[in-house]
Structure formats: structure tokens, C-alpha cells
Amino acid sequence: MTLAILKPTNIQLVLGPSNIAEHIPLTNTPGGSPLNSYRKEVKKQAILKALEETRWNRTAAAEKLDIPFRQIRHRLEKFGIV
């Protein structure tokens, strides 16, 4: 199963079969709009899930998420994961 974190139709693959609207914060955050904050959190959770499933193999996680390895490296730094 491939997770594509940039495709809104695949958000449920990360969050599960729940109502997506209940996960979106209703107030603005310092990082921008609630939707932008939510999207960042979904991307972060997708990366963490892929890393756990691949035992923190970044190359395999990037392939699983269908994103280039350089992009996963950038996001790991951006989200402060590594």
C-alpha cells in the first residue's frame, strides 16, 4: 500500500476511517490557518508512520510515501524529526 501525503483522498489512510472534519482545529495557530496546520500535521504523521513501518529506513519510507528521498529528508528537518 502506497501513501501519497499530498493527495487529499489519501488522508484517511493516515487517520483511519474517521470523520476528517473533527480533526481540523477551529482556531488559528501561530503557524497560519487551521487548515495549513492540519495539513502539516497530517504530513508529519504520515512520515512518522512510514518510518515506523520501515524501521526508520528513510529510503524505504520515501518509496512507501511515493515521494523523492530528498523531499523526505527536507521534511524530517522541517518537522524536527531528525
PDB file of N, CA and C in Angstrom:
ATOM      1  N   MET A   1       0.849  -1.169   0.000  1.00  0.00           N
ATOM      2  CA  MET A   1       0.000   0.000   0.000  1.00  0.00           C
ATOM      3  C   MET A   1       0.894   1.231   0.000  1.00  0.00           C
ATOM      4  N   THR A   2       0.616   2.156  -0.903  1.00  0.00           N
ATOM      5  CA  THR A   2       1.387   3.375  -1.011  1.00  0.00           C
ATOM      6  C   THR A   2       0.583   4.532  -0.464  1.00  0.00           C
ATOM      7  N   LEU A   3       1.197   5.324   0.413  1.00  0.00           N
ATOM      8  CA  LEU A   3       0.558   6.523   0.933  1.00  0.00           C
ATOM      9  C   LEU A   3       1.085   7.719   0.168  1.00  0.00           C
ATOM     10  N   ALA A   4       0.199   8.526  -0.360  1.00  0.00           N
ATOM     11  CA  ALA A   4       0.602   9.757  -1.036  1.00  0.00           C
ATOM     12  C   ALA A   4       0.110  10.909  -0.186  1.00  0.00           C
ATOM     13  N   ILE A   5       1.006  11.532   0.560  1.00  0.00           N
ATOM     14  CA  ILE A   5       0.573  12.506   1.544  1.00  0.00           C
ATOM     15  C   ILE A   5       0.117  13.820   0.939  1.00  0.00           C
ATOM     16  N   LEU A   6       0.365  14.037  -0.340  1.00  0.00           N
ATOM     17  CA  LEU A   6      -0.085  15.277  -0.954  1.00  0.00           C
ATOM     18  C   LEU A   6      -1.476  15.147  -1.553  1.00  0.00           C
ATOM     19  N   LYS A   7      -2.014  13.953  -1.592  1.00  0.00           N
ATOM     20  CA  LYS A   7      -3.330  13.739  -2.187  1.00  0.00           C
ATOM     21  C   LYS A   7      -4.391  13.711  -1.093  1.00  0.00           C
ATOM     22  N   PRO A   8      -5.363  14.647  -1.141  1.00  0.00           N
ATOM     23  CA  PRO A   8      -6.366  14.700  -0.078  1.00  0.00           C
ATOM     24  C   PRO A   8      -7.187  13.426   0.055  1.00  0.00           C
ATOM     25  N   THR A   9      -7.324  12.664  -1.010  1.00  0.00           N
ATOM     26  CA  THR A   9      -8.120  11.441  -0.935  1.00  0.00           C
ATOM     27  C   THR A   9      -7.456  10.383  -0.068  1.00  0.00           C
ATOM     28  N   ASN A  10      -6.158  10.534   0.192  1.00  0.00           N
ATOM     29  CA  ASN A  10      -5.447   9.535   0.973  1.00  0.00           C
ATOM     30  C   ASN A  10      -5.267   9.929   2.429  1.00  0.00           C
ATOM     31  N   ILE A  11      -5.850  11.033   2.847  1.00  0.00           N
ATOM     32  CA  ILE A  11      -5.730  11.455   4.239  1.00  0.00           C
ATOM     33  C   ILE A  11      -6.301  10.390   5.164  1.00  0.00           C
ATOM     34  N   GLN A  12      -7.373   9.721   4.741  1.00  0.00           N
ATOM     35  CA  GLN A  12      -7.973   8.698   5.587  1.00  0.00           C
ATOM     36  C   GLN A  12      -7.058   7.498   5.774  1.00  0.00           C
ATOM     37  N   LEU A  13      -6.122   7.265   4.851  1.00  0.00           N
ATOM     38  CA  LEU A  13      -5.169   6.176   5.035  1.00  0.00           C
ATOM     39  C   LEU A  13      -4.274   6.447   6.236  1.00  0.00           C
ATOM     40  N   VAL A  14      -4.040   7.719   6.529  1.00  0.00           N
ATOM     41  CA  VAL A  14      -3.207   8.085   7.667  1.00  0.00           C
ATOM     42  C   VAL A  14      -4.022   8.116   8.948  1.00  0.00           C
ATOM     43  N   LEU A  15      -5.197   8.730   8.873  1.00  0.00           N
ATOM     44  CA  LEU A  15      -6.003   8.934  10.071  1.00  0.00           C
ATOM     45  C   LEU A  15      -6.955   7.792  10.377  1.00  0.00           C
ATOM     46  N   GLY A  16      -7.220   6.954   9.409  1.00  0.00           N
ATOM     47  CA  GLY A  16      -8.198   5.902   9.605  1.00  0.00           C
ATOM     48  C   GLY A  16      -9.563   6.345   9.113  1.00  0.00           C
ATOM     49  N   PRO A  17     -10.534   5.481   9.197  1.00  0.00           N
ATOM     50  CA  PRO A  17     -11.852   5.781   8.619  1.00  0.00           C
ATOM     51  C   PRO A  17     -12.715   6.671   9.512  1.00  0.00           C
ATOM     52  N   SER A  18     -12.147   7.742  10.036  1.00  0.00           N
ATOM     53  CA  SER A  18     -12.913   8.640  10.889  1.00  0.00           C
ATOM     54  C   SER A  18     -13.349   9.865  10.099  1.00  0.00           C
ATOM     55  N   ASN A  19     -14.148  10.671  10.707  1.00  0.00           N
ATOM     56  CA  ASN A  19     -14.593  11.907  10.082  1.00  0.00           C
ATOM     57  C   ASN A  19     -13.439  12.898  10.101  1.00  0.00           C
ATOM     58  N   ILE A  20     -12.952  13.287   8.932  1.00  0.00           N
ATOM     59  CA  ILE A  20     -11.786  14.157   8.832  1.00  0.00           C
ATOM     60  C   ILE A  20     -12.067  15.520   9.453  1.00  0.00           C
ATOM     61  N   ALA A  21     -13.282  16.023   9.326  1.00  0.00           N
ATOM     62  CA  ALA A  21     -13.603  17.359   9.824  1.00  0.00           C
ATOM     63  C   ALA A  21     -13.380  17.485  11.330  1.00  0.00           C
ATOM     64  N   GLU A  22     -13.529  16.406  12.074  1.00  0.00           N
ATOM     65  CA  GLU A  22     -13.358  16.505  13.527  1.00  0.00           C
ATOM     66  C   GLU A  22     -11.894  16.661  13.923  1.00  0.00           C
ATOM     67  N   HIS A  23     -10.964  16.438  12.992  1.00  0.00           N
ATOM     68  CA  HIS A  23      -9.541  16.572  13.289  1.00  0.00           C
ATOM     69  C   HIS A  23      -8.998  17.950  12.945  1.00  0.00           C
ATOM     70  N   ILE A  24      -9.772  18.778  12.257  1.00  0.00           N
ATOM     71  CA  ILE A  24      -9.296  20.095  11.860  1.00  0.00           C
ATOM     72  C   ILE A  24      -9.529  21.074  13.002  1.00  0.00           C
ATOM     73  N   PRO A  25      -8.474  21.741  13.475  1.00  0.00           N
ATOM     74  CA  PRO A  25      -8.655  22.705  14.554  1.00  0.00           C
ATOM     75  C   PRO A  25      -9.504  23.887  14.112  1.00  0.00           C
ATOM     76  N   LEU A  26     -10.258  24.454  15.035  1.00  0.00           N
ATOM     77  CA  LEU A  26     -11.164  25.539  14.701  1.00  0.00           C
ATOM     78  C   LEU A  26     -10.566  26.919  14.913  1.00  0.00           C
ATOM     79  N   THR A  27      -9.432  27.014  15.564  1.00  0.00           N
ATOM     80  CA  THR A  27      -8.824  28.318  15.821  1.00  0.00           C
ATOM     81  C   THR A  27      -7.529  28.456  15.049  1.00  0.00           C
ATOM     82  N   ASN A  28      -7.175  29.709  14.750  1.00  0.00           N
ATOM     83  CA  ASN A  28      -5.908  29.956  14.075  1.00  0.00           C
ATOM     84  C   ASN A  28      -4.747  29.662  15.007  1.00  0.00           C
ATOM     85  N   THR A  29      -3.679  29.200  14.421  1.00  0.00           N
ATOM     86  CA  THR A  29      -2.474  28.915  15.181  1.00  0.00           C
ATOM     87  C   THR A  29      -1.376  29.864  14.718  1.00  0.00           C
ATOM     88  N   PRO A  30      -0.295  29.993  15.475  1.00  0.00           N
ATOM     89  CA  PRO A  30       0.781  30.897  15.064  1.00  0.00           C
ATOM     90  C   PRO A  30       1.371  30.548  13.701  1.00  0.00           C
ATOM     91  N   GLY A  31       1.281  29.282  13.284  1.00  0.00           N
ATOM     92  CA  GLY A  31       1.852  28.846  12.009  1.00  0.00           C
ATOM     93  C   GLY A  31       0.993  29.163  10.805  1.00  0.00           C
ATOM     94  N   GLY A  32      -0.178  29.765  10.968  1.00  0.00           N
ATOM     95  CA  GLY A  32      -1.037  30.073   9.843  1.00  0.00           C
ATOM     96  C   GLY A  32      -2.460  29.630  10.090  1.00  0.00           C
ATOM     97  N   SER A  33      -3.140  29.338   9.017  1.00  0.00           N
ATOM     98  CA  SER A  33      -4.545  28.963   9.110  1.00  0.00           C
ATOM     99  C   SER A  33      -4.693  27.564   9.707  1.00  0.00           C
ATOM    100  N   PRO A  34      -5.869  27.263  10.231  1.00  0.00           N
ATOM    101  CA  PRO A  34      -6.092  25.922  10.799  1.00  0.00           C
ATOM    102  C   PRO A  34      -5.888  24.810   9.771  1.00  0.00           C
ATOM    103  N   LEU A  35      -6.299  25.060   8.532  1.00  0.00           N
ATOM    104  CA  LEU A  35      -6.158  24.031   7.505  1.00  0.00           C
ATOM    105  C   LEU A  35      -4.686  23.771   7.204  1.00  0.00           C
ATOM    106  N   ASN A  36      -3.873  24.830   7.122  1.00  0.00           N
ATOM    107  CA  ASN A  36      -2.441  24.639   6.872  1.00  0.00           C
ATOM    108  C   ASN A  36      -1.783  23.874   8.011  1.00  0.00           C
ATOM    109  N   SER A  37      -2.134  24.202   9.233  1.00  0.00           N
ATOM    110  CA  SER A  37      -1.587  23.492  10.395  1.00  0.00           C
ATOM    111  C   SER A  37      -1.997  22.028  10.358  1.00  0.00           C
ATOM    112  N   TYR A  38      -3.228  21.778   9.993  1.00  0.00           N
ATOM    113  CA  TYR A  38      -3.735  20.411   9.900  1.00  0.00           C
ATOM    114  C   TYR A  38      -2.983  19.627   8.829  1.00  0.00           C
ATOM    115  N   ARG A  39      -2.772  20.268   7.672  1.00  0.00           N
ATOM    116  CA  ARG A  39      -2.066  19.594   6.577  1.00  0.00           C
ATOM    117  C   ARG A  39      -0.639  19.250   6.987  1.00  0.00           C
ATOM    118  N   LYS A  40       0.026  20.163   7.685  1.00  0.00           N
ATOM    119  CA  LYS A  40       1.385  19.894   8.156  1.00  0.00           C
ATOM    120  C   LYS A  40       1.398  18.712   9.121  1.00  0.00           C
ATOM    121  N   GLU A  41       0.423  18.679  10.013  1.00  0.00           N
ATOM    122  CA  GLU A  41       0.346  17.583  10.982  1.00  0.00           C
ATOM    123  C   GLU A  41       0.076  16.246  10.286  1.00  0.00           C
ATOM    124  N   VAL A  42      -0.774  16.248   9.276  1.00  0.00           N
ATOM    125  CA  VAL A  42      -1.058  15.016   8.526  1.00  0.00           C
ATOM    126  C   VAL A  42       0.198  14.530   7.818  1.00  0.00           C
ATOM    127  N   LYS A  43       0.937  15.451   7.212  1.00  0.00           N
ATOM    128  CA  LYS A  43       2.186  15.070   6.545  1.00  0.00           C
ATOM    129  C   LYS A  43       3.176  14.486   7.550  1.00  0.00           C
ATOM    130  N   LYS A  44       3.297  15.143   8.695  1.00  0.00           N
ATOM    131  CA  LYS A  44       4.217  14.677   9.728  1.00  0.00           C
ATOM    132  C   LYS A  44       3.837  13.285  10.210  1.00  0.00           C
ATOM    133  N   GLN A  45       2.538  13.065  10.466  1.00  0.00           N
ATOM    134  CA  GLN A  45       2.083  11.758  10.936  1.00  0.00           C
ATOM    135  C   GLN A  45       2.289  10.681   9.873  1.00  0.00           C
ATOM    136  N   ALA A  46       2.095  11.027   8.599  1.00  0.00           N
ATOM    137  CA  ALA A  46       2.309  10.061   7.523  1.00  0.00           C
ATOM    138  C   ALA A  46       3.775   9.656   7.453  1.00  0.00           C
ATOM    139  N   ILE A  47       4.661  10.632   7.604  1.00  0.00           N
ATOM    140  CA  ILE A  47       6.089  10.332   7.582  1.00  0.00           C
ATOM    141  C   ILE A  47       6.470   9.452   8.769  1.00  0.00           C
ATOM    142  N   LEU A  48       5.993   9.811   9.956  1.00  0.00           N
ATOM    143  CA  LEU A  48       6.309   9.017  11.140  1.00  0.00           C
ATOM    144  C   LEU A  48       5.792   7.582  11.011  1.00  0.00           C
ATOM    145  N   LYS A  49       4.587   7.429  10.483  1.00  0.00           N
ATOM    146  CA  LYS A  49       4.015   6.093  10.310  1.00  0.00           C
ATOM    147  C   LYS A  49       4.841   5.273   9.317  1.00  0.00           C
ATOM    148  N   ALA A  50       5.221   5.900   8.202  1.00  0.00           N
ATOM    149  CA  ALA A  50       6.024   5.201   7.198  1.00  0.00           C
ATOM    150  C   ALA A  50       7.395   4.830   7.766  1.00  0.00           C
ATOM    151  N   LEU A  51       7.984   5.726   8.556  1.00  0.00           N
ATOM    152  CA  LEU A  51       9.279   5.430   9.165  1.00  0.00           C
ATOM    153  C   LEU A  51       9.176   4.271  10.154  1.00  0.00           C
ATOM    154  N   GLU A  52       8.121   4.242  10.939  1.00  0.00           N
ATOM    155  CA  GLU A  52       7.942   3.146  11.883  1.00  0.00           C
ATOM    156  C   GLU A  52       7.745   1.819  11.157  1.00  0.00           C
ATOM    157  N   GLU A  53       6.962   1.862  10.070  1.00  0.00           N
ATOM    158  CA  GLU A  53       6.689   0.629   9.319  1.00  0.00           C
ATOM    159  C   GLU A  53       7.932   0.113   8.597  1.00  0.00           C
ATOM    160  N   THR A  54       8.872   0.996   8.301  1.00  0.00           N
ATOM    161  CA  THR A  54      10.096   0.586   7.601  1.00  0.00           C
ATOM    162  C   THR A  54      11.300   0.539   8.543  1.00  0.00           C
ATOM    163  N   ARG A  55      11.035   0.547   9.851  1.00  0.00           N
ATOM    164  CA  ARG A  55      12.082   0.529  10.872  1.00  0.00           C
ATOM    165  C   ARG A  55      13.082   1.664  10.655  1.00  0.00           C
ATOM    166  N   TRP A  56      12.555   2.843  10.385  1.00  0.00           N
ATOM    167  CA  TRP A  56      13.298   4.095  10.212  1.00  0.00           C
ATOM    168  C   TRP A  56      14.263   4.067   9.028  1.00  0.00           C
ATOM    169  N   ASN A  57      13.944   3.269   8.020  1.00  0.00           N
ATOM    170  CA  ASN A  57      14.702   3.284   6.772  1.00  0.00           C
ATOM    171  C   ASN A  57      14.117   4.406   5.916  1.00  0.00           C
ATOM    172  N   ARG A  58      14.845   5.506   5.791  1.00  0.00           N
ATOM    173  CA  ARG A  58      14.310   6.689   5.098  1.00  0.00           C
ATOM    174  C   ARG A  58      14.063   6.440   3.617  1.00  0.00           C
ATOM    175  N   THR A  59      14.917   5.669   2.975  1.00  0.00           N
ATOM    176  CA  THR A  59      14.721   5.371   1.560  1.00  0.00           C
ATOM    177  C   THR A  59      13.439   4.575   1.355  1.00  0.00           C
ATOM    178  N   ALA A  60      13.239   3.553   2.168  1.00  0.00           N
ATOM    179  CA  ALA A  60      12.029   2.738   2.058  1.00  0.00           C
ATOM    180  C   ALA A  60      10.782   3.550   2.414  1.00  0.00           C
ATOM    181  N   ALA A  61      10.898   4.433   3.406  1.00  0.00           N
ATOM    182  CA  ALA A  61       9.761   5.274   3.788  1.00  0.00           C
ATOM    183  C   ALA A  61       9.388   6.219   2.654  1.00  0.00           C
ATOM    184  N   ALA A  62      10.383   6.790   1.984  1.00  0.00           N
ATOM    185  CA  ALA A  62      10.119   7.679   0.848  1.00  0.00           C
ATOM    186  C   ALA A  62       9.423   6.922  -0.274  1.00  0.00           C
ATOM    187  N   GLU A  63       9.869   5.704  -0.536  1.00  0.00           N
ATOM    188  CA  GLU A  63       9.223   4.885  -1.563  1.00  0.00           C
ATOM    189  C   GLU A  63       7.785   4.556  -1.157  1.00  0.00           C
ATOM    190  N   LYS A  64       7.574   4.245   0.095  1.00  0.00           N
ATOM    191  CA  LYS A  64       6.238   3.913   0.592  1.00  0.00           C
ATOM    192  C   LYS A  64       5.299   5.105   0.448  1.00  0.00           C
ATOM    193  N   LEU A  65       5.817   6.323   0.683  1.00  0.00           N
ATOM    194  CA  LEU A  65       5.013   7.540   0.566  1.00  0.00           C
ATOM    195  C   LEU A  65       4.956   8.072  -0.862  1.00  0.00           C
ATOM    196  N   ASP A  66       5.718   7.453  -1.751  1.00  0.00           N
ATOM    197  CA  ASP A  66       5.765   7.857  -3.151  1.00  0.00           C
ATOM    198  C   ASP A  66       6.257   9.303  -3.295  1.00  0.00           C
ATOM    199  N   ILE A  67       7.315   9.622  -2.537  1.00  0.00           N
ATOM    200  CA  ILE A  67       7.953  10.929  -2.639  1.00  0.00           C
ATOM    201  C   ILE A  67       9.451  10.712  -2.781  1.00  0.00           C
ATOM    202  N   PRO A  68      10.161  11.673  -3.373  1.00  0.00           N
ATOM    203  CA  PRO A  68      11.613  11.521  -3.516  1.00  0.00           C
ATOM    204  C   PRO A  68      12.315  11.507  -2.152  1.00  0.00           C
ATOM    205  N   PHE A  69      13.448  10.827  -2.096  1.00  0.00           N
ATOM    206  CA  PHE A  69      14.223  10.736  -0.863  1.00  0.00           C
ATOM    207  C   PHE A  69      14.624  12.119  -0.358  1.00  0.00           C
ATOM    208  N   ARG A  70      15.003  13.018  -1.261  1.00  0.00           N
ATOM    209  CA  ARG A  70      15.404  14.370  -0.858  1.00  0.00           C
ATOM    210  C   ARG A  70      14.257  15.101  -0.165  1.00  0.00           C
ATOM    211  N   GLN A  71      13.039  14.857  -0.635  1.00  0.00           N
ATOM    212  CA  GLN A  71      11.887  15.515  -0.027  1.00  0.00           C
ATOM    213  C   GLN A  71      11.635  14.994   1.391  1.00  0.00           C
ATOM    214  N   ILE A  72      11.804  13.711   1.590  1.00  0.00           N
ATOM    215  CA  ILE A  72      11.599  13.187   2.947  1.00  0.00           C
ATOM    216  C   ILE A  72      12.694  13.703   3.879  1.00  0.00           C
ATOM    217  N   ARG A  73      13.921  13.827   3.382  1.00  0.00           N
ATOM    218  CA  ARG A  73      14.992  14.409   4.200  1.00  0.00           C
ATOM    219  C   ARG A  73      14.668  15.841   4.593  1.00  0.00           C
ATOM    220  N   HIS A  74      14.180  16.615   3.631  1.00  0.00           N
ATOM    221  CA  HIS A  74      13.815  18.008   3.894  1.00  0.00           C
ATOM    222  C   HIS A  74      12.686  18.079   4.941  1.00  0.00           C
ATOM    223  N   ARG A  75      11.686  17.240   4.796  1.00  0.00           N
ATOM    224  CA  ARG A  75      10.555  17.267   5.727  1.00  0.00           C
ATOM    225  C   ARG A  75      10.953  16.803   7.122  1.00  0.00           C
ATOM    226  N   LEU A  76      11.868  15.849   7.203  1.00  0.00           N
ATOM    227  CA  LEU A  76      12.348  15.415   8.514  1.00  0.00           C
ATOM    228  C   LEU A  76      13.010  16.577   9.245  1.00  0.00           C
ATOM    229  N   GLU A  77      13.802  17.352   8.521  1.00  0.00           N
ATOM    230  CA  GLU A  77      14.449  18.522   9.114  1.00  0.00           C
ATOM    231  C   GLU A  77      13.407  19.599   9.448  1.00  0.00           C
ATOM    232  N   LYS A  78      12.482  19.832   8.528  1.00  0.00           N
ATOM    233  CA  LYS A  78      11.464  20.861   8.704  1.00  0.00           C
ATOM    234  C   LYS A  78      10.589  20.597   9.930  1.00  0.00           C
ATOM    235  N   PHE A  79      10.215  19.332  10.122  1.00  0.00           N
ATOM    236  CA  PHE A  79       9.342  18.979  11.237  1.00  0.00           C
ATOM    237  C   PHE A  79      10.130  18.668  12.513  1.00  0.00           C
ATOM    238  N   GLY A  80      11.462  18.737  12.444  1.00  0.00           N
ATOM    239  CA  GLY A  80      12.281  18.498  13.622  1.00  0.00           C
ATOM    240  C   GLY A  80      12.270  17.049  14.081  1.00  0.00           C
ATOM    241  N   ILE A  81      12.093  16.132  13.145  1.00  0.00           N
ATOM    242  CA  ILE A  81      12.036  14.715  13.488  1.00  0.00           C
ATOM    243  C   ILE A  81      13.449  14.157  13.659  1.00  0.00           C
ATOM    244  N   VAL A  82      14.365  14.611  12.842  1.00  0.00           N
ATOM    245  CA  VAL A  82      15.752  14.122  12.916  1.00  0.00           C
ATOM    246  C   VAL A  82      16.678  15.277  13.190  1.00  0.00           C
TER     247      VAL A  82
END
